[in-house]
C-alpha atoms as a PDB file:
ATOM      1  CA  PRO A   1      92.121-101.992   6.681  1.00  0.00           C
ATOM      2  CA  ALA A   2      91.640-100.083   3.448  1.00  0.00           C
ATOM      3  CA  LEU A   3      88.715 -97.650   3.524  1.00  0.00           C
ATOM      4  CA  PRO A   4      85.915 -98.528   1.059  1.00  0.00           C
ATOM      5  CA  THR A   5      85.561 -95.327  -0.956  1.00  0.00           C
ATOM      6  CA  ALA A   6      83.083 -94.363  -3.655  1.00  0.00           C
ATOM      7  CA  VAL A   7      84.997 -92.464  -6.330  1.00  0.00           C
ATOM      8  CA  ALA A   8      82.579 -90.253  -8.234  1.00  0.00           C
ATOM      9  CA  TYR A   9      83.216 -90.011 -11.977  1.00  0.00           C
ATOM     10  CA  PRO A  10      86.996 -90.584 -12.194  1.00  0.00           C
ATOM     11  CA  CYS A  11      87.111 -89.816 -15.912  1.00  0.00           C
ATOM     12  CA  SER A  12      90.533 -88.252 -16.231  1.00  0.00           C
ATOM     13  CA  GLY A  13      94.018 -89.627 -15.866  1.00  0.00           C
ATOM     14  CA  PHE A  14      94.539 -87.553 -12.724  1.00  0.00           C
ATOM     15  CA  ALA A  15      91.319 -88.636 -11.029  1.00  0.00           C
ATOM     16  CA  LEU A  16      91.715 -92.319 -11.808  1.00  0.00           C
ATOM     17  CA  SER A  17      95.397 -92.455 -10.889  1.00  0.00           C
ATOM     18  CA  SER A  18      94.684 -90.695  -7.558  1.00  0.00           C
ATOM     19  CA  ALA A  19      92.304 -93.482  -6.559  1.00  0.00           C
ATOM     20  CA  VAL A  20      94.638 -96.221  -7.760  1.00  0.00           C
ATOM     21  CA  GLU A  21      97.688 -94.718  -6.003  1.00  0.00           C
ATOM     22  CA  ALA A  22      95.829 -94.615  -2.683  1.00  0.00           C
ATOM     23  CA  ALA A  23      94.652 -98.185  -3.199  1.00  0.00           C
ATOM     24  CA  GLU A  24      98.132 -99.444  -4.006  1.00  0.00           C
ATOM     25  CA  VAL A  25      99.481 -98.215  -0.660  1.00  0.00           C
ATOM     26  CA  GLY A  26      96.568 -99.800   1.195  1.00  0.00           C
ATOM     27  CA  ILE A  27      94.658 -96.662   2.213  1.00  0.00           C
ATOM     28  CA  LEU A  28      91.553 -96.950   0.042  1.00  0.00           C
ATOM     29  CA  GLU A  29      89.474 -99.688  -1.505  1.00  0.00           C
ATOM     30  CA  PRO A  30      87.989 -97.746  -4.428  1.00  0.00           C
ATOM     31  CA  ILE A  31      84.575 -98.327  -5.958  1.00  0.00           C
ATOM     32  CA  LEU A  32      84.743 -96.592  -9.333  1.00  0.00           C
ATOM     33  CA  VAL A  33      81.450 -94.948 -10.290  1.00  0.00           C
ATOM     34  CA  GLY A  34      81.275 -93.715 -13.875  1.00  0.00           C
ATOM     35  CA  PRO A  35      81.210 -94.797 -17.535  1.00  0.00           C
ATOM     36  CA  LYS A  36      83.009 -98.143 -17.581  1.00  0.00           C
ATOM     37  CA  LYS A  37      84.158 -97.974 -21.188  1.00  0.00           C
ATOM     38  CA  GLU A  38      85.693 -94.538 -20.718  1.00  0.00           C
ATOM     39  CA  MET A  39      87.389 -95.475 -17.443  1.00  0.00           C
ATOM     40  CA  LEU A  40      88.910 -98.601 -18.993  1.00  0.00           C
ATOM     41  CA  LYS A  41      90.276 -96.527 -21.876  1.00  0.00           C
ATOM     42  CA  ILE A  42      91.782 -93.974 -19.484  1.00  0.00           C
ATOM     43  CA  ALA A  43      93.294 -96.782 -17.422  1.00  0.00           C
ATOM     44  CA  ALA A  44      94.901 -98.250 -20.540  1.00  0.00           C
ATOM     45  CA  ASP A  45      96.235 -94.848 -21.609  1.00  0.00           C
ATOM     46  CA  GLU A  46      97.680 -94.223 -18.127  1.00  0.00           C
ATOM     47  CA  ASN A  47      98.979 -97.787 -17.721  1.00  0.00           C
ATOM     48  CA  LEU A  48      96.753 -98.368 -14.685  1.00  0.00           C
ATOM     49  CA  ASP A  49      95.353-101.754 -13.684  1.00  0.00           C
ATOM     50  CA  ILE A  50      91.785-101.259 -12.446  1.00  0.00           C
ATOM     51  CA  SER A  51      90.643-104.843 -13.007  1.00  0.00           C
ATOM     52  CA  LYS A  52      90.738-105.600  -9.268  1.00  0.00           C
ATOM     53  CA  TYR A  53      88.364-102.750  -8.350  1.00  0.00           C
ATOM     54  CA  GLU A  54      84.589-102.736  -8.493  1.00  0.00           C
ATOM     55  CA  ILE A  55      83.200-100.609 -11.319  1.00  0.00           C
ATOM     56  CA  ILE A  56      79.637 -99.303 -11.349  1.00  0.00           C
ATOM     57  CA  ASP A  57      78.802 -98.330 -14.908  1.00  0.00           C
ATOM     58  CA  ILE A  58      77.037 -94.945 -14.953  1.00  0.00           C
ATOM     59  CA  GLU A  59      77.237 -92.661 -17.959  1.00  0.00           C
ATOM     60  CA  HIS A  60      76.788 -89.123 -16.648  1.00  0.00           C
ATOM     61  CA  ALA A  61      78.629 -87.194 -13.928  1.00  0.00           C
ATOM     62  CA  HIS A  62      75.447 -86.017 -12.202  1.00  0.00           C
ATOM     63  CA  ASP A  63      74.126 -89.571 -11.876  1.00  0.00           C
ATOM     64  CA  ALA A  64      77.539 -90.839 -10.783  1.00  0.00           C
ATOM     65  CA  ALA A  65      77.593 -88.314  -7.934  1.00  0.00           C
ATOM     66  CA  PHE A  66      74.205 -89.442  -6.656  1.00  0.00           C
ATOM     67  CA  LYS A  67      75.143 -93.118  -6.990  1.00  0.00           C
ATOM     68  CA  ALA A  68      78.383 -92.569  -5.072  1.00  0.00           C
ATOM     69  CA  VAL A  69      76.426 -90.888  -2.273  1.00  0.00           C
ATOM     70  CA  GLU A  70      73.933 -93.768  -2.293  1.00  0.00           C
ATOM     71  CA  LEU A  71      76.790 -96.238  -1.792  1.00  0.00           C
ATOM     72  CA  VAL A  72      77.717 -94.369   1.380  1.00  0.00           C
ATOM     73  CA  ARG A  73      74.133 -94.169   2.625  1.00  0.00           C
ATOM     74  CA  THR A  74      73.699 -97.926   2.220  1.00  0.00           C
ATOM     75  CA  GLY A  75      76.993 -98.634   4.002  1.00  0.00           C
ATOM     76  CA  LYS A  76      78.830-100.089   1.021  1.00  0.00           C
ATOM     77  CA  ALA A  77      81.308 -97.186   1.047  1.00  0.00           C
ATOM     78  CA  LYS A  78      82.636 -95.267   4.039  1.00  0.00           C
ATOM     79  CA  SER A  79      83.996 -92.196   2.297  1.00  0.00           C
ATOM     80  CA  LEU A  80      83.609 -90.223  -0.915  1.00  0.00           C
ATOM     81  CA  MET A  81      86.272 -89.130  -3.362  1.00  0.00           C
ATOM     82  CA  LYS A  82      85.807 -86.490  -6.014  1.00  0.00           C
ATOM     83  CA  GLY A  83      86.713 -87.595  -9.515  1.00  0.00           C
ATOM     84  CA  SER A  84      86.756 -85.275 -12.524  1.00  0.00           C
ATOM     85  CA  LEU A  85      83.302 -83.800 -12.015  1.00  0.00           C
ATOM     86  CA  HIS A  86      82.873 -80.285 -10.626  1.00  0.00           C
ATOM     87  CA  THR A  87      82.978 -79.940  -6.844  1.00  0.00           C
ATOM     88  CA  ASP A  88      79.538 -78.285  -6.837  1.00  0.00           C
ATOM     89  CA  GLU A  89      78.088 -81.268  -8.664  1.00  0.00           C
ATOM     90  CA  LEU A  90      79.335 -83.694  -6.034  1.00  0.00           C
ATOM     91  CA  LEU A  91      78.300 -81.488  -3.126  1.00  0.00           C
ATOM     92  CA  SER A  92      74.791 -81.060  -4.531  1.00  0.00           C
ATOM     93  CA  ALA A  93      74.371 -84.823  -4.162  1.00  0.00           C
ATOM     94  CA  VAL A  94      75.923 -84.760  -0.689  1.00  0.00           C
ATOM     95  CA  LEU A  95      73.583 -81.966   0.435  1.00  0.00           C
ATOM     96  CA  LYS A  96      70.356 -83.349  -1.050  1.00  0.00           C
ATOM     97  CA  ARG A  97      67.875 -83.206   1.811  1.00  0.00           C
ATOM     98  CA  ASP A  98      66.317 -86.669   1.574  1.00  0.00           C
ATOM     99  CA  THR A  99      69.021 -88.711  -0.134  1.00  0.00           C
ATOM    100  CA  GLY A 100      72.252 -86.931   0.777  1.00  0.00           C
ATOM    101  CA  LEU A 101      74.713 -87.033   3.653  1.00  0.00           C
ATOM    102  CA  ARG A 102      73.754 -83.877   5.522  1.00  0.00           C
ATOM    103  CA  THR A 103      74.385 -83.368   9.224  1.00  0.00           C
ATOM    104  CA  ASP A 104      73.576 -80.402  11.439  1.00  0.00           C
ATOM    105  CA  ARG A 105      76.953 -78.881  10.469  1.00  0.00           C
ATOM    106  CA  ALA A 106      77.820 -76.890   7.384  1.00  0.00           C
ATOM    107  CA  ILE A 107      79.993 -78.557   4.757  1.00  0.00           C
ATOM    108  CA  THR A 108      83.486 -77.077   5.117  1.00  0.00           C
ATOM    109  CA  HIS A 109      86.976 -77.610   3.722  1.00  0.00           C
ATOM    110  CA  VAL A 110      90.268 -77.894   5.577  1.00  0.00           C
ATOM    111  CA  PHE A 111      93.800 -77.743   4.202  1.00  0.00           C
ATOM    112  CA  LEU A 112      96.278 -79.568   6.437  1.00  0.00           C
ATOM    113  CA  MET A 113      99.654 -77.903   5.927  1.00  0.00           C
ATOM    114  CA  SER A 114     103.257 -78.281   6.967  1.00  0.00           C
ATOM    115  CA  VAL A 115     105.926 -75.744   6.027  1.00  0.00           C
ATOM    116  CA  PRO A 116     109.659 -75.836   6.850  1.00  0.00           C
ATOM    117  CA  SER A 117     109.521 -72.429   8.568  1.00  0.00           C
ATOM    118  CA  TYR A 118     106.760 -73.296  11.079  1.00  0.00           C
ATOM    119  CA  PRO A 119     107.309 -75.704  13.982  1.00  0.00           C
ATOM    120  CA  HIS A 120     104.183 -77.840  13.590  1.00  0.00           C
ATOM    121  CA  MET A 121     101.338 -78.812  11.293  1.00  0.00           C
ATOM    122  CA  PHE A 122      98.488 -76.323  10.955  1.00  0.00           C
ATOM    123  CA  PHE A 123      95.169 -75.954   9.131  1.00  0.00           C
ATOM    124  CA  VAL A 124      93.862 -73.313   6.738  1.00  0.00           C
ATOM    125  CA  THR A 125      90.081 -73.171   6.499  1.00  0.00           C
ATOM    126  CA  ASP A 126      87.836 -72.625   4.547  1.00  0.00           C
ATOM    127  CA  ALA A 127      89.657 -72.241   1.241  1.00  0.00           C
ATOM    128  CA  ALA A 128      87.521 -74.333  -1.106  1.00  0.00           C
ATOM    129  CA  VAL A 129      83.805 -74.549  -0.284  1.00  0.00           C
ATOM    130  CA  ASN A 130      82.209 -71.579   1.498  1.00  0.00           C
ATOM    131  CA  ILE A 131      82.610 -68.432  -0.594  1.00  0.00           C
ATOM    132  CA  ALA A 132      81.431 -65.759   1.846  1.00  0.00           C
ATOM    133  CA  PRO A 133      80.532 -67.537   5.084  1.00  0.00           C
ATOM    134  CA  ASP A 134      78.240 -65.847   7.586  1.00  0.00           C
ATOM    135  CA  LEU A 135      78.778 -66.077  11.336  1.00  0.00           C
ATOM    136  CA  LYS A 136      76.881 -69.354  11.748  1.00  0.00           C
ATOM    137  CA  THR A 137      78.856 -70.971   8.935  1.00  0.00           C
ATOM    138  CA  LYS A 138      82.138 -69.658  10.360  1.00  0.00           C
ATOM    139  CA  ALA A 139      81.246 -71.262  13.675  1.00  0.00           C
ATOM    140  CA  ASP A 140      80.821 -74.602  11.872  1.00  0.00           C
ATOM    141  CA  ILE A 141      84.048 -74.060   9.917  1.00  0.00           C
ATOM    142  CA  CYS A 142      85.795 -73.503  13.226  1.00  0.00           C
ATOM    143  CA  GLN A 143      84.209 -76.459  15.034  1.00  0.00           C
ATOM    144  CA  ASN A 144      84.853 -78.876  12.161  1.00  0.00           C
ATOM    145  CA  ALA A 145      88.519 -77.861  12.094  1.00  0.00           C
ATOM    146  CA  ILE A 146      88.868 -78.161  15.870  1.00  0.00           C
ATOM    147  CA  ASP A 147      87.323 -81.638  15.849  1.00  0.00           C
ATOM    148  CA  LEU A 148      89.697 -82.752  13.099  1.00  0.00           C
ATOM    149  CA  MET A 149      92.785 -81.287  14.778  1.00  0.00           C
ATOM    150  CA  LYS A 150      91.933 -83.094  18.006  1.00  0.00           C
ATOM    151  CA  LEU A 151      92.404 -86.396  16.164  1.00  0.00           C
ATOM    152  CA  PHE A 152      96.077 -85.461  15.813  1.00  0.00           C
ATOM    153  CA  THR A 153      96.779 -83.861  19.194  1.00  0.00           C
ATOM    154  CA  ASN A 154      95.675 -84.296  22.799  1.00  0.00           C
ATOM    155  CA  LYS A 155      95.630 -80.552  23.486  1.00  0.00           C
ATOM    156  CA  ASP A 156      93.032 -77.920  22.682  1.00  0.00           C
ATOM    157  CA  PRO A 157      94.052 -76.432  19.313  1.00  0.00           C
ATOM    158  CA  LYS A 158      94.700 -72.711  19.042  1.00  0.00           C
ATOM    159  CA  VAL A 159      92.487 -70.997  16.483  1.00  0.00           C
ATOM    160  CA  ALA A 160      93.565 -67.695  14.923  1.00  0.00           C
ATOM    161  CA  ILE A 161      90.602 -65.902  13.349  1.00  0.00           C
ATOM    162  CA  LEU A 162      92.247 -63.912  10.588  1.00  0.00           C
ATOM    163  CA  SER A 163      91.627 -60.401   9.347  1.00  0.00           C
ATOM    164  CA  ALA A 164      93.749 -57.509   8.092  1.00  0.00           C
ATOM    165  CA  VAL A 165      93.937 -55.899  11.542  1.00  0.00           C
ATOM    166  CA  GLU A 166      94.011 -56.916  15.200  1.00  0.00           C
ATOM    167  CA  THR A 167      91.278 -54.638  16.510  1.00  0.00           C
ATOM    168  CA  VAL A 168      87.530 -54.708  15.999  1.00  0.00           C
ATOM    169  CA  ASN A 169      86.517 -52.283  13.255  1.00  0.00           C
ATOM    170  CA  SER A 170      82.852 -51.771  12.430  1.00  0.00           C
ATOM    171  CA  LYS A 171      83.767 -51.293   8.761  1.00  0.00           C
ATOM    172  CA  ILE A 172      85.538 -54.673   8.501  1.00  0.00           C
ATOM    173  CA  GLN A 173      83.048 -57.515   8.852  1.00  0.00           C
ATOM    174  CA  SER A 174      85.700 -60.158   9.517  1.00  0.00           C
ATOM    175  CA  THR A 175      86.751 -58.347  12.718  1.00  0.00           C
ATOM    176  CA  LEU A 176      83.157 -58.314  13.971  1.00  0.00           C
ATOM    177  CA  ASP A 177      82.807 -62.010  13.167  1.00  0.00           C
ATOM    178  CA  ALA A 178      86.087 -62.744  14.957  1.00  0.00           C
ATOM    179  CA  ALA A 179      84.917 -61.000  18.110  1.00  0.00           C
ATOM    180  CA  ALA A 180      81.596 -62.853  17.996  1.00  0.00           C
ATOM    181  CA  LEU A 181      83.274 -66.233  17.463  1.00  0.00           C
ATOM    182  CA  CYS A 182      85.525 -65.671  20.473  1.00  0.00           C
ATOM    183  CA  LYS A 183      82.500 -64.861  22.629  1.00  0.00           C
ATOM    184  CA  MET A 184      80.694 -67.933  21.256  1.00  0.00           C
ATOM    185  CA  ALA A 185      83.652 -70.011  22.449  1.00  0.00           C
ATOM    186  CA  ASP A 186      83.442 -68.339  25.874  1.00  0.00           C
ATOM    187  CA  ARG A 187      79.775 -69.337  26.080  1.00  0.00           C
ATOM    188  CA  GLY A 188      80.325 -72.939  24.967  1.00  0.00           C
ATOM    189  CA  GLN A 189      78.819 -72.536  21.495  1.00  0.00           C
ATOM    190  CA  ILE A 190      82.199 -73.546  20.037  1.00  0.00           C
ATOM    191  CA  THR A 191      84.072 -76.126  22.089  1.00  0.00           C
ATOM    192  CA  GLY A 192      87.458 -77.799  22.330  1.00  0.00           C
ATOM    193  CA  GLY A 193      89.640 -74.957  21.085  1.00  0.00           C
ATOM    194  CA  ILE A 194      91.341 -71.755  22.219  1.00  0.00           C
ATOM    195  CA  LEU A 195      90.121 -68.921  19.995  1.00  0.00           C
ATOM    196  CA  ASP A 196      91.514 -65.440  19.443  1.00  0.00           C
ATOM    197  CA  GLY A 197      90.833 -62.799  16.860  1.00  0.00           C
ATOM    198  CA  PRO A 198      90.845 -60.712  14.951  1.00  0.00           C
ATOM    199  CA  LEU A 199      94.511 -61.439  14.276  1.00  0.00           C
ATOM    200  CA  ALA A 200      96.517 -60.463  11.227  1.00  0.00           C
ATOM    201  CA  PHE A 201      98.463 -63.322   9.663  1.00  0.00           C
ATOM    202  CA  ASP A 202     101.836 -62.127  11.000  1.00  0.00           C
ATOM    203  CA  ASN A 203     100.575 -62.096  14.589  1.00  0.00           C
ATOM    204  CA  ALA A 204      98.972 -65.502  14.220  1.00  0.00           C
ATOM    205  CA  ILE A 205     102.209 -67.204  13.224  1.00  0.00           C
ATOM    206  CA  SER A 206     104.901 -64.941  14.744  1.00  0.00           C
ATOM    207  CA  LEU A 207     105.111 -64.264  18.483  1.00  0.00           C
ATOM    208  CA  GLU A 208     107.705 -61.581  17.793  1.00  0.00           C
ATOM    209  CA  ALA A 209     105.322 -59.719  15.477  1.00  0.00           C
ATOM    210  CA  ALA A 210     102.598 -59.931  18.109  1.00  0.00           C
ATOM    211  CA  LYS A 211     104.905 -58.581  20.823  1.00  0.00           C
ATOM    212  CA  ILE A 212     105.949 -55.649  18.636  1.00  0.00           C
ATOM    213  CA  LYS A 213     102.279 -54.738  18.258  1.00  0.00           C
ATOM    214  CA  GLY A 214     101.626 -55.219  21.976  1.00  0.00           C
ATOM    215  CA  ILE A 215      99.269 -58.156  21.490  1.00  0.00           C
ATOM    216  CA  ASP A 216      98.971 -60.465  24.484  1.00  0.00           C
ATOM    217  CA  SER A 217      97.350 -63.612  23.151  1.00  0.00           C
ATOM    218  CA  PRO A 218      97.450 -67.338  23.930  1.00  0.00           C
ATOM    219  CA  VAL A 219      97.191 -67.998  20.187  1.00  0.00           C
ATOM    220  CA  ALA A 220      99.658 -65.513  18.696  1.00  0.00           C
ATOM    221  CA  GLY A 221     102.777 -67.136  17.284  1.00  0.00           C
ATOM    222  CA  ASP A 222     101.497 -70.662  17.857  1.00  0.00           C
ATOM    223  CA  ALA A 223      98.270 -71.021  15.863  1.00  0.00           C
ATOM    224  CA  ASP A 224      97.143 -74.527  14.955  1.00  0.00           C
ATOM    225  CA  ILE A 225      94.181 -73.388  12.853  1.00  0.00           C
ATOM    226  CA  LEU A 226      94.023 -70.322  10.604  1.00  0.00           C
ATOM    227  CA  LEU A 227      90.386 -69.401   9.986  1.00  0.00           C
ATOM    228  CA  ALA A 228      90.198 -67.219   6.877  1.00  0.00           C
ATOM    229  CA  PRO A 229      87.617 -64.434   6.458  1.00  0.00           C
ATOM    230  CA  ASP A 230      86.364 -65.866   3.155  1.00  0.00           C
ATOM    231  CA  LEU A 231      87.190 -68.366   0.434  1.00  0.00           C
ATOM    232  CA  GLU A 232      89.250 -65.944  -1.648  1.00  0.00           C
ATOM    233  CA  SER A 233      91.655 -65.014   1.131  1.00  0.00           C
ATOM    234  CA  GLY A 234      91.891 -68.591   2.373  1.00  0.00           C
ATOM    235  CA  ASN A 235      92.567 -69.960  -1.092  1.00  0.00           C
ATOM    236  CA  ILE A 236      95.212 -67.341  -1.841  1.00  0.00           C
ATOM    237  CA  LEU A 237      96.908 -67.991   1.509  1.00  0.00           C
ATOM    238  CA  ALA A 238      96.949 -71.759   1.036  1.00  0.00           C
ATOM    239  CA  LYS A 239      98.300 -71.560  -2.510  1.00  0.00           C
ATOM    240  CA  GLN A 240     100.977 -69.054  -1.508  1.00  0.00           C
ATOM    241  CA  LEU A 241     102.159 -71.467   1.161  1.00  0.00           C
ATOM    242  CA  ILE A 242     102.157 -74.359  -1.302  1.00  0.00           C
ATOM    243  CA  HIS A 243     103.980 -72.629  -4.139  1.00  0.00           C
ATOM    244  CA  LEU A 244     106.241 -70.149  -2.304  1.00  0.00           C
ATOM    245  CA  SER A 245     106.933 -71.987   0.951  1.00  0.00           C
ATOM    246  CA  ASN A 246     106.985 -75.592  -0.288  1.00  0.00           C
ATOM    247  CA  ALA A 247     104.116 -76.562   1.991  1.00  0.00           C
ATOM    248  CA  ALA A 248     103.194 -80.222   2.180  1.00  0.00           C
ATOM    249  CA  THR A 249      99.410 -80.407   2.056  1.00  0.00           C
ATOM    250  CA  ALA A 250      96.322 -82.549   2.289  1.00  0.00           C
ATOM    251  CA  GLY A 251      92.717 -81.485   1.783  1.00  0.00           C
ATOM    252  CA  ILE A 252      89.426 -82.822   3.090  1.00  0.00           C
ATOM    253  CA  ILE A 253      85.772 -81.797   3.216  1.00  0.00           C
ATOM    254  CA  LEU A 254      84.087 -82.130   6.601  1.00  0.00           C
ATOM    255  CA  GLY A 255      80.555 -81.712   7.907  1.00  0.00           C
ATOM    256  CA  ALA A 256      78.958 -84.588   5.984  1.00  0.00           C
ATOM    257  CA  LYS A 257      78.286 -88.025   7.467  1.00  0.00           C
ATOM    258  CA  VAL A 258      81.580 -89.219   5.983  1.00  0.00           C
ATOM    259  CA  PRO A 259      84.768 -87.417   4.930  1.00  0.00           C
ATOM    260  CA  VAL A 260      84.943 -86.252   1.325  1.00  0.00           C
ATOM    261  CA  ILE A 261      88.344 -86.423  -0.375  1.00  0.00           C
ATOM    262  CA  LEU A 262      89.001 -83.421  -2.588  1.00  0.00           C
ATOM    263  CA  THR A 263      92.194 -83.372  -4.633  1.00  0.00           C
ATOM    264  CA  SER A 264      93.430 -80.845  -7.176  1.00  0.00           C
ATOM    265  CA  ARG A 265      95.081 -81.456 -10.523  1.00  0.00           C
ATOM    266  CA  ALA A 266      98.012 -79.385  -9.233  1.00  0.00           C
ATOM    267  CA  ASP A 267      98.540 -81.759  -6.272  1.00  0.00           C
ATOM    268  CA  ASN A 268     101.582 -84.000  -6.283  1.00  0.00           C
ATOM    269  CA  VAL A 269     101.333 -87.705  -5.481  1.00  0.00           C
ATOM    270  CA  ASP A 270     102.256 -87.221  -1.812  1.00  0.00           C
ATOM    271  CA  SER A 271      99.501 -84.646  -1.359  1.00  0.00           C
ATOM    272  CA  ARG A 272      96.891 -86.872  -2.999  1.00  0.00           C
ATOM    273  CA  ILE A 273      97.800 -89.852  -0.839  1.00  0.00           C
ATOM    274  CA  ALA A 274      97.918 -87.676   2.287  1.00  0.00           C
ATOM    275  CA  SER A 275      94.376 -86.448   1.599  1.00  0.00           C
ATOM    276  CA  CYS A 276      93.175 -90.040   1.357  1.00  0.00           C
ATOM    277  CA  ALA A 277      95.029 -90.946   4.551  1.00  0.00           C
ATOM    278  CA  VAL A 278      93.364 -88.089   6.461  1.00  0.00           C
ATOM    279  CA  ALA A 279      89.947 -89.355   5.348  1.00  0.00           C
ATOM    280  CA  ALA A 280      90.826 -92.869   6.496  1.00  0.00           C
ATOM    281  CA  VAL A 281      92.039 -91.644   9.905  1.00  0.00           C
ATOM    282  CA  THR A 282      88.939 -89.470  10.323  1.00  0.00           C
ATOM    283  CA  MET A 283      86.571 -92.331   9.562  1.00  0.00           C
ATOM    284  CA  HIS A 284      88.524 -94.747  11.775  1.00  0.00           C
ATOM    285  CA  PHE A 285      88.172 -92.442  14.785  1.00  0.00           C
ATOM    286  CA  LYS A 286      84.513 -91.772  14.003  1.00  0.00           C
ATOM    287  CA  GLU A 287      83.695 -95.484  13.910  1.00  0.00           C
ATOM    288  CA  ASN A 288      85.616 -96.123  17.135  1.00  0.00           C
ATOM    289  CA  LYS A 289      83.713 -93.297  18.825  1.00  0.00           C
ATOM    290  CA  GLN A 290      80.399 -94.791  17.683  1.00  0.00           C
ATOM    291  CA  LEU A 291      81.406 -98.201  19.044  1.00  0.00           C
ATOM    292  CA  GLU A 292      82.399 -96.666  22.390  1.00  0.00           C
ATOM    293  CA  SER A 293      79.039 -94.895  22.674  1.00  0.00           C
ATOM    294  CA  MET A 294      77.221 -98.204  22.140  1.00  0.00           C
ATOM    295  CA  LYS A 295      78.962 -99.930  25.062  1.00  0.00           C
END
């Protein structure tokens, strides 16, 4: 069944059409939260029929974000979708201590990617939310990505913790974090994945490059998850893959009580719909897991 989704402030042609496109293929059942008059005008301009969808008339973006979150908290919606408001504005409502959707995990972003030159789907994380994550946040970034990947595969995903070099260097913080994350996995503080790092990008995705450098790693050349040192490097990597390697992509925010769909104005229709589909799959598995635990 279509996933009831609160769409926060879809006040642009892109934002409104993204919700409608996902609804038309049966993935989402959108609840449009924003100024009704403006949304109807945009729908008319874009030749979109939104008459069949519930509209909650709220004038300002800030209030729309909080209302969308409230719809999830009360069970009326099962996922969130960012409209044309700023990401920070939506996440501030998600993270509000008493009225938000916080869990014990950090909020993190994952790009799901497929490129013609790599044999399987992989993730890039975090390229959109955490600017300069500390070790604790990186552990959550890693665990969120592992948990998502395990919805798509029955094996433990291989996590490449990226840096510029393959050895620990006290002057490069990302190498120290990589070493610590690997030890955290050894001690059961991160579970369900096979971690290695620091690894440079070439070693993570090319076994030949790793062999040339004498790196013996269960992850090298076959990484399922690329964990970037920071937002800048992750964002640059993801966008290079999209625009230079014709990567097919989807994007989702994890770590809240429900998945948050985050699309970009540069996304094509396939990418937008794929992002919605990932949210629907994630929520489906989460609900099934909750039902199993109640038996």
